[in-house]
Amino acid sequence: MSTIDFSFLCEQAKAYSGFEPEDAAILAQEADRLIPHLGAVTDSFYTELQTIPEAQPFLEGRVDALKKTHASWLAKIFTGPYDADFAAYMHQVGVVHVQVKLPEKFMTSGIGLINKHLIPLLPEIYRDQPEMVGPLLKAMNAATSFCLLIMLESYRGHELERFMEVTGISRVLYNNLAAAYRNTHGHAA
């Protein structure tokens, strides 16, 4: 099992998602105003998931418990702080999804469904401040992308561990092969 540098993962995911300090600041500033609406987002999210036949085995008999966990997770996206501990938390969320064998496509599409139900609320919530909608859309998109990148890393790590287990390749050999590939091709494996 490899050790994950959550500080590095956090900064890398921020860079790749475009999640900037001003995004974190606006989410923190507006969290109290947005969090009361997240229960409706969670309800809509699970209502829609229940219409997807492939999702049924993952939801059966667990929707109420999943909603509570989801609402807590969603609130964390708006409150941060967006640091190594946050990255470790989001990675663990991914690990749990790997452990229950949730297909990776559900992680990606789940972020899309969250945004589908959250974005239309912004013009209503900020009817009196329409100039806030654009910056909040940018911040929410960057934050959810940031979280998704971290959660998906758990899938990549799981696949790598599984590959090494099946092939018998050691971590040292894999790292040496990856380094040789990077040196030959000039980029990360």
N, C-alpha and C. Protein backbone atom coordinates (compact mmCIF):
# COMPACT_ATOMS: atom_id res chain seq x y z
N MET A 1 0.85 -1.17 0.00
CA MET A 1 0.00 0.00 0.00
C MET A 1 0.89 1.24 0.00
N SER A 2 0.54 2.20 -0.80
CA SER A 2 1.37 3.39 -0.90
C SER A 2 0.91 4.45 0.09
N THR A 3 1.83 5.34 0.42
CA THR A 3 1.52 6.46 1.28
C THR A 3 1.17 7.64 0.39
N ILE A 4 0.10 8.33 0.72
CA ILE A 4 -0.37 9.44 -0.09
C ILE A 4 0.04 10.75 0.56
N ASP A 5 0.62 11.62 -0.21
CA ASP A 5 0.96 12.96 0.25
C ASP A 5 -0.27 13.84 0.00
N PHE A 6 -1.11 13.98 1.03
CA PHE A 6 -2.37 14.70 0.86
C PHE A 6 -2.17 16.20 0.63
N SER A 7 -1.08 16.76 1.11
CA SER A 7 -0.80 18.17 0.80
C SER A 7 -0.56 18.33 -0.69
N PHE A 8 0.26 17.43 -1.26
CA PHE A 8 0.52 17.48 -2.70
C PHE A 8 -0.75 17.22 -3.50
N LEU A 9 -1.51 16.19 -3.11
CA LEU A 9 -2.75 15.86 -3.80
C LEU A 9 -3.71 17.04 -3.77
N CYS A 10 -3.80 17.70 -2.64
CA CYS A 10 -4.69 18.86 -2.48
C CYS A 10 -4.28 19.97 -3.43
N GLU A 11 -3.01 20.32 -3.44
CA GLU A 11 -2.54 21.41 -4.30
C GLU A 11 -2.67 21.05 -5.77
N GLN A 12 -2.38 19.81 -6.11
CA GLN A 12 -2.51 19.35 -7.50
C GLN A 12 -3.97 19.43 -7.95
N ALA A 13 -4.89 18.96 -7.12
CA ALA A 13 -6.31 18.98 -7.47
C ALA A 13 -6.82 20.41 -7.58
N LYS A 14 -6.33 21.30 -6.73
CA LYS A 14 -6.71 22.71 -6.84
C LYS A 14 -6.26 23.28 -8.19
N ALA A 15 -5.02 22.98 -8.55
CA ALA A 15 -4.49 23.50 -9.82
C ALA A 15 -5.27 22.95 -11.01
N TYR A 16 -5.54 21.65 -11.01
CA TYR A 16 -6.23 21.03 -12.14
C TYR A 16 -7.69 21.44 -12.25
N SER A 17 -8.31 21.76 -11.12
CA SER A 17 -9.73 22.13 -11.13
C SER A 17 -9.95 23.64 -11.23
N GLY A 18 -8.89 24.42 -11.08
CA GLY A 18 -9.03 25.87 -11.09
C GLY A 18 -9.64 26.40 -9.81
N PHE A 19 -9.53 25.62 -8.74
CA PHE A 19 -10.08 26.04 -7.44
C PHE A 19 -9.09 27.00 -6.79
N GLU A 20 -9.43 28.27 -6.81
CA GLU A 20 -8.53 29.33 -6.37
C GLU A 20 -8.92 29.85 -4.99
N PRO A 21 -8.00 30.57 -4.33
CA PRO A 21 -8.31 31.10 -2.99
C PRO A 21 -9.59 31.94 -2.95
N GLU A 22 -9.86 32.71 -4.00
CA GLU A 22 -11.09 33.51 -3.98
C GLU A 22 -12.34 32.62 -4.04
N ASP A 23 -12.23 31.44 -4.64
CA ASP A 23 -13.36 30.50 -4.65
C ASP A 23 -13.62 29.99 -3.24
N ALA A 24 -12.55 29.60 -2.56
CA ALA A 24 -12.69 29.14 -1.17
C ALA A 24 -13.27 30.25 -0.29
N ALA A 25 -12.83 31.47 -0.53
CA ALA A 25 -13.29 32.59 0.29
C ALA A 25 -14.78 32.86 0.08
N ILE A 26 -15.25 32.83 -1.17
CA ILE A 26 -16.66 33.12 -1.41
C ILE A 26 -17.55 32.00 -0.88
N LEU A 27 -17.07 30.74 -0.97
CA LEU A 27 -17.86 29.64 -0.42
C LEU A 27 -17.97 29.77 1.09
N ALA A 28 -16.86 30.08 1.74
CA ALA A 28 -16.88 30.25 3.20
C ALA A 28 -17.78 31.43 3.59
N GLN A 29 -17.68 32.51 2.84
CA GLN A 29 -18.48 33.71 3.11
C GLN A 29 -19.98 33.42 2.96
N GLU A 30 -20.35 32.58 2.00
CA GLU A 30 -21.75 32.34 1.68
C GLU A 30 -22.29 31.02 2.24
N ALA A 31 -21.47 30.27 2.95
CA ALA A 31 -21.88 28.94 3.44
C ALA A 31 -23.16 29.00 4.26
N ASP A 32 -23.26 29.94 5.18
CA ASP A 32 -24.46 30.02 6.02
C ASP A 32 -25.73 30.26 5.21
N ARG A 33 -25.58 30.95 4.12
CA ARG A 33 -26.74 31.22 3.26
C ARG A 33 -27.08 30.03 2.36
N LEU A 34 -26.07 29.25 1.98
CA LEU A 34 -26.28 28.14 1.06
C LEU A 34 -26.63 26.82 1.75
N ILE A 35 -26.03 26.56 2.88
CA ILE A 35 -26.20 25.27 3.55
C ILE A 35 -27.67 24.91 3.82
N PRO A 36 -28.52 25.84 4.20
CA PRO A 36 -29.92 25.46 4.42
C PRO A 36 -30.61 24.89 3.18
N HIS A 37 -30.08 25.13 2.00
CA HIS A 37 -30.68 24.65 0.76
C HIS A 37 -30.10 23.29 0.31
N LEU A 38 -29.06 22.84 0.98
CA LEU A 38 -28.38 21.62 0.55
C LEU A 38 -29.20 20.36 0.81
N GLY A 39 -30.09 20.39 1.79
CA GLY A 39 -30.98 19.26 2.03
C GLY A 39 -31.87 18.99 0.82
N ALA A 40 -32.36 20.06 0.20
CA ALA A 40 -33.19 19.91 -1.00
C ALA A 40 -32.37 19.34 -2.15
N VAL A 41 -31.11 19.75 -2.24
CA VAL A 41 -30.21 19.22 -3.28
C VAL A 41 -30.01 17.72 -3.06
N THR A 42 -29.75 17.34 -1.83
CA THR A 42 -29.57 15.93 -1.50
C THR A 42 -30.82 15.13 -1.80
N ASP A 43 -31.97 15.64 -1.42
CA ASP A 43 -33.24 14.95 -1.71
C ASP A 43 -33.42 14.76 -3.22
N SER A 44 -33.20 15.81 -3.99
CA SER A 44 -33.34 15.72 -5.45
C SER A 44 -32.32 14.76 -6.05
N PHE A 45 -31.11 14.79 -5.52
CA PHE A 45 -30.04 13.91 -5.97
C PHE A 45 -30.46 12.44 -5.81
N TYR A 46 -30.95 12.08 -4.63
CA TYR A 46 -31.33 10.69 -4.38
C TYR A 46 -32.63 10.30 -5.08
N THR A 47 -33.53 11.24 -5.25
CA THR A 47 -34.74 10.95 -6.03
C THR A 47 -34.35 10.58 -7.45
N GLU A 48 -33.43 11.33 -8.01
CA GLU A 48 -33.00 11.05 -9.38
C GLU A 48 -32.19 9.76 -9.46
N LEU A 49 -31.32 9.52 -8.49
CA LEU A 49 -30.54 8.27 -8.49
C LEU A 49 -31.45 7.04 -8.46
N GLN A 50 -32.55 7.15 -7.74
CA GLN A 50 -33.46 6.01 -7.62
C GLN A 50 -34.16 5.67 -8.93
N THR A 51 -34.07 6.54 -9.92
CA THR A 51 -34.66 6.24 -11.24
C THR A 51 -33.67 5.52 -12.15
N ILE A 52 -32.44 5.34 -11.69
CA ILE A 52 -31.39 4.70 -12.50
C ILE A 52 -31.28 3.24 -12.06
N PRO A 53 -31.71 2.31 -12.90
CA PRO A 53 -31.71 0.90 -12.50
C PRO A 53 -30.35 0.39 -12.00
N GLU A 54 -29.27 0.80 -12.64
CA GLU A 54 -27.94 0.32 -12.24
C GLU A 54 -27.54 0.81 -10.84
N ALA A 55 -28.17 1.88 -10.38
CA ALA A 55 -27.85 2.41 -9.05
C ALA A 55 -28.60 1.69 -7.94
N GLN A 56 -29.65 0.98 -8.26
CA GLN A 56 -30.51 0.37 -7.25
C GLN A 56 -29.77 -0.50 -6.23
N PRO A 57 -28.87 -1.38 -6.65
CA PRO A 57 -28.19 -2.22 -5.64
C PRO A 57 -27.40 -1.42 -4.61
N PHE A 58 -26.96 -0.23 -4.97
CA PHE A 58 -26.18 0.59 -4.05
C PHE A 58 -27.06 1.42 -3.11
N LEU A 59 -28.34 1.51 -3.44
CA LEU A 59 -29.26 2.35 -2.68
C LEU A 59 -30.23 1.56 -1.82
N GLU A 60 -30.51 0.36 -2.23
CA GLU A 60 -31.57 -0.46 -1.62
C GLU A 60 -31.48 -0.51 -0.10
N GLY A 61 -32.53 0.00 0.53
CA GLY A 61 -32.63 -0.03 1.98
C GLY A 61 -31.71 0.92 2.71
N ARG A 62 -31.04 1.80 1.98
CA ARG A 62 -30.04 2.66 2.60
C ARG A 62 -30.23 4.14 2.31
N VAL A 63 -31.28 4.50 1.59
CA VAL A 63 -31.41 5.88 1.12
C VAL A 63 -31.40 6.89 2.26
N ASP A 64 -32.12 6.65 3.34
CA ASP A 64 -32.16 7.62 4.43
C ASP A 64 -30.77 7.82 5.05
N ALA A 65 -30.06 6.74 5.28
CA ALA A 65 -28.70 6.85 5.84
C ALA A 65 -27.76 7.53 4.86
N LEU A 66 -27.88 7.18 3.59
CA LEU A 66 -27.03 7.81 2.57
C LEU A 66 -27.31 9.31 2.46
N LYS A 67 -28.57 9.70 2.59
CA LYS A 67 -28.91 11.12 2.53
C LYS A 67 -28.23 11.90 3.65
N LYS A 68 -28.20 11.34 4.85
CA LYS A 68 -27.56 12.02 5.98
C LYS A 68 -26.06 12.19 5.72
N THR A 69 -25.42 11.13 5.26
CA THR A 69 -24.00 11.19 4.96
C THR A 69 -23.73 12.18 3.84
N HIS A 70 -24.56 12.12 2.81
CA HIS A 70 -24.40 13.01 1.66
C HIS A 70 -24.55 14.48 2.05
N ALA A 71 -25.55 14.79 2.86
CA ALA A 71 -25.78 16.17 3.28
C ALA A 71 -24.58 16.70 4.08
N SER A 72 -24.02 15.86 4.92
CA SER A 72 -22.84 16.26 5.70
C SER A 72 -21.65 16.49 4.78
N TRP A 73 -21.45 15.57 3.83
CA TRP A 73 -20.37 15.69 2.86
C TRP A 73 -20.53 16.97 2.02
N LEU A 74 -21.73 17.21 1.55
CA LEU A 74 -22.00 18.38 0.72
C LEU A 74 -21.75 19.68 1.49
N ALA A 75 -22.14 19.72 2.75
CA ALA A 75 -21.88 20.91 3.57
C ALA A 75 -20.38 21.15 3.72
N LYS A 76 -19.60 20.07 3.83
CA LYS A 76 -18.15 20.20 3.98
C LYS A 76 -17.54 20.88 2.75
N ILE A 77 -18.13 20.64 1.58
CA ILE A 77 -17.61 21.28 0.36
C ILE A 77 -17.71 22.80 0.47
N PHE A 78 -18.70 23.29 1.22
CA PHE A 78 -18.90 24.73 1.33
C PHE A 78 -18.18 25.35 2.52
N THR A 79 -17.63 24.52 3.39
CA THR A 79 -17.04 25.08 4.61
C THR A 79 -15.54 24.88 4.72
N GLY A 80 -14.98 23.91 3.96
CA GLY A 80 -13.54 23.70 4.03
C GLY A 80 -13.09 23.38 5.45
N PRO A 81 -11.90 23.77 5.86
CA PRO A 81 -10.86 24.39 5.05
C PRO A 81 -10.31 23.41 4.03
N TYR A 82 -9.84 23.91 2.93
CA TYR A 82 -9.44 23.11 1.79
C TYR A 82 -7.93 22.83 1.87
N ASP A 83 -7.59 21.94 2.78
CA ASP A 83 -6.20 21.65 3.07
C ASP A 83 -5.94 20.14 2.98
N ALA A 84 -4.81 19.70 3.48
CA ALA A 84 -4.44 18.29 3.42
C ALA A 84 -5.47 17.41 4.15
N ASP A 85 -6.00 17.88 5.27
CA ASP A 85 -7.01 17.11 5.99
C ASP A 85 -8.29 16.98 5.16
N PHE A 86 -8.66 18.05 4.47
CA PHE A 86 -9.82 18.02 3.58
C PHE A 86 -9.58 17.01 2.46
N ALA A 87 -8.37 17.02 1.89
CA ALA A 87 -8.03 16.07 0.82
C ALA A 87 -8.09 14.63 1.34
N ALA A 88 -7.60 14.41 2.56
CA ALA A 88 -7.65 13.07 3.16
C ALA A 88 -9.10 12.63 3.34
N TYR A 89 -9.95 13.54 3.79
CA TYR A 89 -11.37 13.25 3.96
C TYR A 89 -12.01 12.88 2.61
N MET A 90 -11.79 13.71 1.59
CA MET A 90 -12.38 13.44 0.28
C MET A 90 -11.84 12.15 -0.31
N HIS A 91 -10.57 11.88 -0.09
CA HIS A 91 -9.99 10.63 -0.57
C HIS A 91 -10.66 9.44 0.11
N GLN A 92 -10.90 9.56 1.41
CA GLN A 92 -11.57 8.48 2.15
C GLN A 92 -12.99 8.26 1.63
N VAL A 93 -13.67 9.34 1.24
CA VAL A 93 -14.99 9.20 0.62
C VAL A 93 -14.86 8.33 -0.63
N GLY A 94 -13.84 8.61 -1.42
CA GLY A 94 -13.58 7.79 -2.61
C GLY A 94 -13.30 6.34 -2.25
N VAL A 95 -12.48 6.13 -1.22
CA VAL A 95 -12.14 4.76 -0.78
C VAL A 95 -13.41 3.99 -0.41
N VAL A 96 -14.31 4.63 0.30
CA VAL A 96 -15.57 3.97 0.68
C VAL A 96 -16.35 3.57 -0.57
N HIS A 97 -16.37 4.44 -1.57
CA HIS A 97 -17.07 4.11 -2.81
C HIS A 97 -16.38 2.96 -3.55
N VAL A 98 -15.06 2.92 -3.50
CA VAL A 98 -14.31 1.79 -4.09
C VAL A 98 -14.66 0.50 -3.35
N GLN A 99 -14.71 0.57 -2.02
CA GLN A 99 -14.97 -0.62 -1.21
C GLN A 99 -16.35 -1.21 -1.47
N VAL A 100 -17.34 -0.37 -1.77
CA VAL A 100 -18.68 -0.89 -2.06
C VAL A 100 -18.83 -1.23 -3.55
N LYS A 101 -17.71 -1.07 -4.28
CA LYS A 101 -17.66 -1.40 -5.72
C LYS A 101 -18.58 -0.51 -6.57
N LEU A 102 -18.73 0.74 -6.14
CA LEU A 102 -19.50 1.68 -6.92
C LEU A 102 -18.71 2.01 -8.18
N PRO A 103 -19.31 1.84 -9.35
CA PRO A 103 -18.57 2.17 -10.58
C PRO A 103 -18.11 3.62 -10.58
N GLU A 104 -16.92 3.82 -11.09
CA GLU A 104 -16.31 5.16 -11.13
C GLU A 104 -17.22 6.17 -11.84
N LYS A 105 -17.95 5.72 -12.85
CA LYS A 105 -18.82 6.64 -13.59
C LYS A 105 -19.88 7.27 -12.68
N PHE A 106 -20.26 6.58 -11.59
CA PHE A 106 -21.23 7.16 -10.67
C PHE A 106 -20.64 8.32 -9.87
N MET A 107 -19.34 8.26 -9.61
CA MET A 107 -18.69 9.38 -8.91
C MET A 107 -18.74 10.62 -9.81
N THR A 108 -18.36 10.44 -11.06
CA THR A 108 -18.33 11.56 -12.00
C THR A 108 -19.73 12.09 -12.26
N SER A 109 -20.66 11.20 -12.56
CA SER A 109 -22.02 11.65 -12.86
C SER A 109 -22.70 12.21 -11.61
N GLY A 110 -22.31 11.74 -10.45
CA GLY A 110 -22.87 12.26 -9.20
C GLY A 110 -22.58 13.74 -9.02
N ILE A 111 -21.38 14.16 -9.36
CA ILE A 111 -21.04 15.58 -9.28
C ILE A 111 -21.91 16.36 -10.26
N GLY A 112 -22.13 15.80 -11.44
CA GLY A 112 -23.01 16.45 -12.41
C GLY A 112 -24.43 16.59 -11.89
N LEU A 113 -24.93 15.55 -11.23
CA LEU A 113 -26.29 15.62 -10.67
C LEU A 113 -26.38 16.63 -9.52
N ILE A 114 -25.35 16.70 -8.72
CA ILE A 114 -25.35 17.69 -7.64
C ILE A 114 -25.43 19.09 -8.24
N ASN A 115 -24.58 19.36 -9.21
CA ASN A 115 -24.59 20.68 -9.84
C ASN A 115 -25.92 20.94 -10.55
N LYS A 116 -26.50 19.91 -11.14
CA LYS A 116 -27.79 20.06 -11.82
C LYS A 116 -28.86 20.57 -10.86
N HIS A 117 -28.82 20.11 -9.64
CA HIS A 117 -29.84 20.48 -8.67
C HIS A 117 -29.46 21.70 -7.83
N LEU A 118 -28.18 22.00 -7.77
CA LEU A 118 -27.71 23.14 -6.97
C LEU A 118 -27.71 24.44 -7.77
N ILE A 119 -27.23 24.39 -8.99
CA ILE A 119 -27.10 25.61 -9.80
C ILE A 119 -28.42 26.37 -9.96
N PRO A 120 -29.54 25.70 -10.26
CA PRO A 120 -30.78 26.45 -10.42
C PRO A 120 -31.26 27.18 -9.15
N LEU A 121 -30.75 26.77 -8.00
CA LEU A 121 -31.13 27.45 -6.76
C LEU A 121 -30.47 28.82 -6.60
N LEU A 122 -29.31 28.99 -7.21
CA LEU A 122 -28.56 30.23 -6.99
C LEU A 122 -29.32 31.49 -7.38
N PRO A 123 -29.95 31.53 -8.57
CA PRO A 123 -30.70 32.76 -8.89
C PRO A 123 -31.85 33.04 -7.91
N GLU A 124 -32.41 31.98 -7.34
CA GLU A 124 -33.47 32.18 -6.34
C GLU A 124 -32.89 32.70 -5.03
N ILE A 125 -31.83 32.04 -4.57
CA ILE A 125 -31.22 32.41 -3.29
C ILE A 125 -30.66 33.84 -3.36
N TYR A 126 -30.10 34.21 -4.51
CA TYR A 126 -29.44 35.50 -4.67
C TYR A 126 -30.25 36.45 -5.56
N ARG A 127 -31.56 36.34 -5.45
CA ARG A 127 -32.45 37.23 -6.20
C ARG A 127 -32.12 38.70 -5.92
N ASP A 128 -31.77 38.98 -4.66
CA ASP A 128 -31.45 40.35 -4.26
C ASP A 128 -30.00 40.75 -4.55
N GLN A 129 -29.18 39.78 -4.95
CA GLN A 129 -27.77 40.03 -5.27
C GLN A 129 -27.37 39.24 -6.52
N PRO A 130 -27.92 39.53 -7.67
CA PRO A 130 -27.63 38.72 -8.86
C PRO A 130 -26.15 38.72 -9.26
N GLU A 131 -25.42 39.73 -8.84
CA GLU A 131 -23.98 39.78 -9.16
C GLU A 131 -23.19 38.68 -8.45
N MET A 132 -23.78 38.03 -7.46
CA MET A 132 -23.12 36.94 -6.73
C MET A 132 -23.20 35.62 -7.47
N VAL A 133 -24.16 35.48 -8.36
CA VAL A 133 -24.41 34.19 -9.01
C VAL A 133 -23.20 33.73 -9.82
N GLY A 134 -22.62 34.58 -10.64
CA GLY A 134 -21.47 34.20 -11.46
C GLY A 134 -20.28 33.73 -10.63
N PRO A 135 -19.82 34.53 -9.67
CA PRO A 135 -18.70 34.09 -8.84
C PRO A 135 -19.00 32.80 -8.06
N LEU A 136 -20.25 32.65 -7.62
CA LEU A 136 -20.60 31.42 -6.90
C LEU A 136 -20.63 30.21 -7.83
N LEU A 137 -21.11 30.40 -9.05
CA LEU A 137 -21.09 29.30 -10.02
C LEU A 137 -19.66 28.84 -10.28
N LYS A 138 -18.77 29.80 -10.48
CA LYS A 138 -17.35 29.45 -10.70
C LYS A 138 -16.79 28.71 -9.49
N ALA A 139 -17.05 29.23 -8.30
CA ALA A 139 -16.52 28.62 -7.09
C ALA A 139 -17.08 27.22 -6.87
N MET A 140 -18.39 27.06 -7.07
CA MET A 140 -19.00 25.73 -6.88
C MET A 140 -18.49 24.73 -7.90
N ASN A 141 -18.37 25.14 -9.14
CA ASN A 141 -17.86 24.24 -10.16
C ASN A 141 -16.42 23.83 -9.84
N ALA A 142 -15.60 24.80 -9.46
CA ALA A 142 -14.21 24.49 -9.11
C ALA A 142 -14.13 23.59 -7.88
N ALA A 143 -14.96 23.88 -6.88
CA ALA A 143 -14.93 23.09 -5.64
C ALA A 143 -15.38 21.65 -5.88
N THR A 144 -16.45 21.46 -6.64
CA THR A 144 -16.92 20.10 -6.89
C THR A 144 -15.94 19.35 -7.78
N SER A 145 -15.30 20.04 -8.72
CA SER A 145 -14.28 19.40 -9.56
C SER A 145 -13.06 19.03 -8.72
N PHE A 146 -12.67 19.92 -7.83
CA PHE A 146 -11.56 19.68 -6.90
C PHE A 146 -11.82 18.41 -6.08
N CYS A 147 -13.02 18.32 -5.53
CA CYS A 147 -13.38 17.15 -4.72
C CYS A 147 -13.40 15.89 -5.57
N LEU A 148 -13.95 15.98 -6.76
CA LEU A 148 -14.02 14.82 -7.64
C LEU A 148 -12.62 14.30 -7.98
N LEU A 149 -11.71 15.19 -8.30
CA LEU A 149 -10.34 14.76 -8.62
C LEU A 149 -9.72 13.99 -7.46
N ILE A 150 -9.93 14.47 -6.25
CA ILE A 150 -9.37 13.79 -5.08
C ILE A 150 -10.05 12.43 -4.87
N MET A 151 -11.37 12.40 -4.96
CA MET A 151 -12.09 11.14 -4.75
C MET A 151 -11.71 10.11 -5.81
N LEU A 152 -11.53 10.55 -7.05
CA LEU A 152 -11.17 9.61 -8.12
C LEU A 152 -9.76 9.05 -7.95
N GLU A 153 -8.91 9.78 -7.24
CA GLU A 153 -7.56 9.28 -6.98
C GLU A 153 -7.61 7.95 -6.22
N SER A 154 -8.63 7.78 -5.39
CA SER A 154 -8.76 6.51 -4.66
C SER A 154 -9.03 5.36 -5.62
N TYR A 155 -9.76 5.61 -6.70
CA TYR A 155 -10.00 4.58 -7.72
C TYR A 155 -8.69 4.23 -8.42
N ARG A 156 -7.91 5.25 -8.79
CA ARG A 156 -6.64 5.01 -9.46
C ARG A 156 -5.70 4.22 -8.56
N GLY A 157 -5.65 4.60 -7.29
CA GLY A 157 -4.79 3.88 -6.34
C GLY A 157 -5.23 2.44 -6.17
N HIS A 158 -6.54 2.22 -6.11
CA HIS A 158 -7.06 0.87 -5.97
C HIS A 158 -6.70 0.02 -7.20
N GLU A 159 -6.88 0.60 -8.37
CA GLU A 159 -6.56 -0.13 -9.61
C GLU A 159 -5.08 -0.47 -9.67
N LEU A 160 -4.23 0.46 -9.27
CA LEU A 160 -2.79 0.21 -9.27
C LEU A 160 -2.44 -0.91 -8.29
N GLU A 161 -2.99 -0.86 -7.09
CA GLU A 161 -2.73 -1.91 -6.11
C GLU A 161 -3.19 -3.27 -6.63
N ARG A 162 -4.36 -3.27 -7.25
CA ARG A 162 -4.91 -4.52 -7.82
C ARG A 162 -4.01 -5.03 -8.94
N PHE A 163 -3.53 -4.14 -9.82
CA PHE A 163 -2.63 -4.51 -10.91
C PHE A 163 -1.35 -5.14 -10.36
N MET A 164 -0.78 -4.51 -9.34
CA MET A 164 0.46 -5.04 -8.77
C MET A 164 0.21 -6.39 -8.10
N GLU A 165 -0.93 -6.54 -7.47
CA GLU A 165 -1.27 -7.81 -6.83
C GLU A 165 -1.41 -8.93 -7.87
N VAL A 166 -2.12 -8.64 -8.95
CA VAL A 166 -2.37 -9.65 -9.99
C VAL A 166 -1.08 -10.01 -10.73
N THR A 167 -0.25 -9.00 -11.04
CA THR A 167 0.96 -9.25 -11.83
C THR A 167 2.15 -9.67 -10.98
N GLY A 168 2.09 -9.41 -9.69
CA GLY A 168 3.22 -9.73 -8.82
C GLY A 168 4.32 -8.67 -8.88
N ILE A 169 4.07 -7.57 -9.55
CA ILE A 169 5.05 -6.49 -9.63
C ILE A 169 5.12 -5.80 -8.27
N SER A 170 6.32 -5.57 -7.80
CA SER A 170 6.48 -4.88 -6.52
C SER A 170 6.33 -3.38 -6.71
N ARG A 171 6.12 -2.69 -5.63
CA ARG A 171 6.02 -1.22 -5.67
C ARG A 171 7.32 -0.64 -6.19
N VAL A 172 8.46 -1.17 -5.75
CA VAL A 172 9.76 -0.66 -6.20
C VAL A 172 9.91 -0.82 -7.70
N LEU A 173 9.57 -2.01 -8.22
CA LEU A 173 9.67 -2.24 -9.66
C LEU A 173 8.73 -1.31 -10.41
N TYR A 174 7.50 -1.17 -9.93
CA TYR A 174 6.55 -0.27 -10.59
C TYR A 174 7.10 1.16 -10.61
N ASN A 175 7.59 1.63 -9.47
CA ASN A 175 8.13 3.00 -9.40
C ASN A 175 9.31 3.18 -10.35
N ASN A 176 10.18 2.16 -10.44
CA ASN A 176 11.31 2.23 -11.37
C ASN A 176 10.84 2.27 -12.82
N LEU A 177 9.86 1.46 -13.15
CA LEU A 177 9.31 1.47 -14.52
C LEU A 177 8.65 2.82 -14.83
N ALA A 178 7.90 3.34 -13.88
CA ALA A 178 7.24 4.64 -14.09
C ALA A 178 8.28 5.74 -14.26
N ALA A 179 9.34 5.71 -13.46
CA ALA A 179 10.40 6.72 -13.58
C ALA A 179 11.10 6.61 -14.93
N ALA A 180 11.36 5.40 -15.36
CA ALA A 180 11.99 5.21 -16.68
C ALA A 180 11.08 5.73 -17.79
N TYR A 181 9.80 5.49 -17.67
CA TYR A 181 8.85 5.98 -18.67
C TYR A 181 8.85 7.50 -18.69
N ARG A 182 8.81 8.11 -17.51
CA ARG A 182 8.82 9.58 -17.44
C ARG A 182 10.09 10.14 -18.07
N ASN A 183 11.23 9.50 -17.77
CA ASN A 183 12.51 9.98 -18.32
C ASN A 183 12.55 9.84 -19.82
N THR A 184 11.97 8.77 -20.34
CA THR A 184 11.96 8.52 -21.79
C THR A 184 10.97 9.42 -22.52
N HIS A 185 9.82 9.62 -21.92
CA HIS A 185 8.75 10.34 -22.60
C HIS A 185 8.54 11.77 -22.08
N GLY A 186 9.26 12.15 -21.05
CA GLY A 186 9.21 13.51 -20.57
C GLY A 186 7.94 13.94 -19.88
N HIS A 187 7.17 12.99 -19.34
CA HIS A 187 5.97 13.35 -18.58
C HIS A 187 5.63 12.26 -17.60
N ALA A 188 4.69 12.55 -16.72
CA ALA A 188 4.28 11.61 -15.68
C ALA A 188 3.53 10.43 -16.29
N ALA A 189 3.72 9.28 -15.67
CA ALA A 189 3.01 8.07 -16.12
C ALA A 189 1.60 8.08 -15.63
